[in-house]
Amino acid sequence: MVDRGGMQGDLGVPDEFLCPISQCVMLDPVMAADGHTYERSQIQDWFNVCKIEGQPVRSPLSGENMPSEQLTPNHTLRKLITDALSRSPDLAAALTPPAPPQMGGEGG
């Protein structure tokens, strides 16, 4: 998942590319039992929070109980997102998080 840094309007990112939980562009979109597509890590975290709180697993969008935690990869959406990013280098660059700082220094 990649944070858009609050620039969704400026970048023209389609809403369908955004995880409804994080509002970030999905890189690993999966469909949950509620019929909605989420970024895999976000919906898995949602399931874990429900369990930790001792609650049934519910849809983050509708609040309805989910009959299962099965996740199905949304290959079509993933391809659409990948294609859009490859066609728009400016969009891809804006959505790419900065590289983590390198641990420098001289060892001994």
Protein backbone atom coordinates (compact mmCIF):
# COMPACT_ATOMS: atom_id res chain seq x y z
CA MET A 1 0.00 0.00 0.00
CA VAL A 2 1.31 3.40 -0.87
CA ASP A 3 0.35 6.62 0.84
CA ARG A 4 -0.71 9.31 -1.58
CA GLY A 5 0.32 12.09 0.77
CA GLY A 6 -3.10 13.76 0.47
CA MET A 7 -2.70 14.51 -3.24
CA GLN A 8 -5.48 12.33 -4.64
CA GLY A 9 -7.29 15.19 -6.38
CA ASP A 10 -4.13 16.61 -7.92
CA LEU A 11 -3.03 13.20 -9.17
CA GLY A 12 -6.38 12.08 -10.55
CA VAL A 13 -6.31 8.71 -8.80
CA PRO A 14 -9.59 6.84 -9.45
CA ASP A 15 -11.51 6.06 -6.25
CA GLU A 16 -11.61 2.40 -7.30
CA PHE A 17 -7.83 2.25 -6.84
CA LEU A 18 -8.08 3.36 -3.20
CA CYS A 19 -8.48 1.05 -0.24
CA PRO A 20 -11.66 2.09 1.60
CA ILE A 21 -9.88 1.59 4.93
CA SER A 22 -6.63 3.48 4.35
CA GLN A 23 -7.61 5.67 1.38
CA CYS A 24 -4.27 4.67 -0.19
CA VAL A 25 -3.65 3.16 -3.61
CA MET A 26 -3.89 -0.62 -3.38
CA LEU A 27 -0.92 -2.67 -4.54
CA ASP A 28 -2.34 -6.03 -3.38
CA PRO A 29 -6.12 -5.67 -3.77
CA VAL A 30 -8.24 -8.52 -2.43
CA MET A 31 -11.99 -9.06 -2.31
CA ALA A 32 -13.41 -9.92 1.10
CA ALA A 33 -16.59 -11.81 1.94
CA ASP A 34 -18.55 -8.53 2.03
CA GLY A 35 -17.94 -8.13 -1.72
CA HIS A 36 -15.68 -5.10 -1.32
CA THR A 37 -12.03 -4.84 -2.34
CA TYR A 38 -9.37 -3.79 0.16
CA GLU A 39 -5.59 -3.66 0.39
CA ARG A 40 -4.68 -7.10 1.77
CA SER A 41 -2.67 -5.83 4.76
CA GLN A 42 -5.42 -3.38 5.74
CA ILE A 43 -8.27 -5.90 5.79
CA GLN A 44 -6.09 -8.45 7.60
CA ASP A 45 -5.31 -5.82 10.23
CA TRP A 46 -9.05 -5.08 10.47
CA PHE A 47 -9.79 -8.78 11.07
CA ASN A 48 -7.10 -8.90 13.77
CA VAL A 49 -8.49 -5.85 15.57
CA CYS A 50 -11.97 -7.41 15.59
CA LYS A 51 -10.55 -10.58 17.14
CA ILE A 52 -8.44 -8.71 19.71
CA GLU A 53 -11.52 -6.76 20.76
CA GLY A 54 -13.47 -10.02 21.07
CA GLN A 55 -15.91 -8.93 18.39
CA PRO A 56 -17.18 -10.89 15.40
CA VAL A 57 -15.42 -10.03 12.16
CA ARG A 58 -17.52 -7.32 10.54
CA SER A 59 -17.32 -5.46 7.27
CA PRO A 60 -15.51 -2.15 7.77
CA LEU A 61 -17.93 -0.57 5.29
CA SER A 62 -21.34 -1.98 6.21
CA GLY A 63 -20.78 -3.19 9.77
CA GLU A 64 -22.42 -6.51 8.86
CA ASN A 65 -20.91 -9.77 10.10
CA MET A 66 -18.66 -11.40 7.52
CA PRO A 67 -19.31 -15.11 7.00
CA SER A 68 -15.60 -15.80 6.49
CA GLU A 69 -12.17 -14.23 6.44
CA GLN A 70 -11.39 -15.64 3.01
CA LEU A 71 -9.68 -13.14 0.73
CA THR A 72 -9.65 -13.49 -3.05
CA PRO A 73 -7.01 -11.64 -5.08
CA ASN A 74 -8.57 -9.03 -7.36
CA HIS A 75 -6.27 -9.62 -10.33
CA THR A 76 -8.26 -7.38 -12.67
CA LEU A 77 -8.02 -4.35 -10.38
CA ARG A 78 -4.36 -5.04 -9.67
CA LYS A 79 -3.62 -5.03 -13.41
CA LEU A 80 -5.58 -1.80 -13.92
CA ILE A 81 -3.61 -0.11 -11.13
CA THR A 82 -0.28 -1.44 -12.41
CA ASP A 83 -1.08 -0.34 -15.97
CA ALA A 84 -2.13 3.14 -14.80
CA LEU A 85 1.08 3.54 -12.82
CA SER A 86 3.22 2.38 -15.76
CA ARG A 87 1.50 4.86 -18.12
CA SER A 88 1.97 7.77 -15.75
CA PRO A 89 5.52 8.10 -14.43
CA ASP A 90 4.55 11.29 -12.56
CA LEU A 91 1.76 9.44 -10.76
CA ALA A 92 3.99 6.48 -9.98
CA ALA A 93 6.73 8.77 -8.64
CA ALA A 94 4.26 10.67 -6.46
CA LEU A 95 2.92 7.43 -5.01
CA THR A 96 6.31 5.85 -4.37
CA PRO A 97 7.35 6.23 -0.75
CA PRO A 98 10.81 7.64 -0.14
CA ALA A 99 13.55 5.11 0.37
CA PRO A 100 14.36 4.46 4.02
CA PRO A 101 17.55 6.09 5.22
CA GLN A 102 20.62 3.95 4.77
CA MET A 103 22.49 2.95 7.85
CA GLY A 104 25.86 4.51 7.17
CA GLY A 105 28.88 4.79 9.26
CA GLU A 106 32.01 2.85 9.46
CA GLY A 107 31.92 -0.43 11.26
CA GLY A 108 34.60 -1.82 13.37
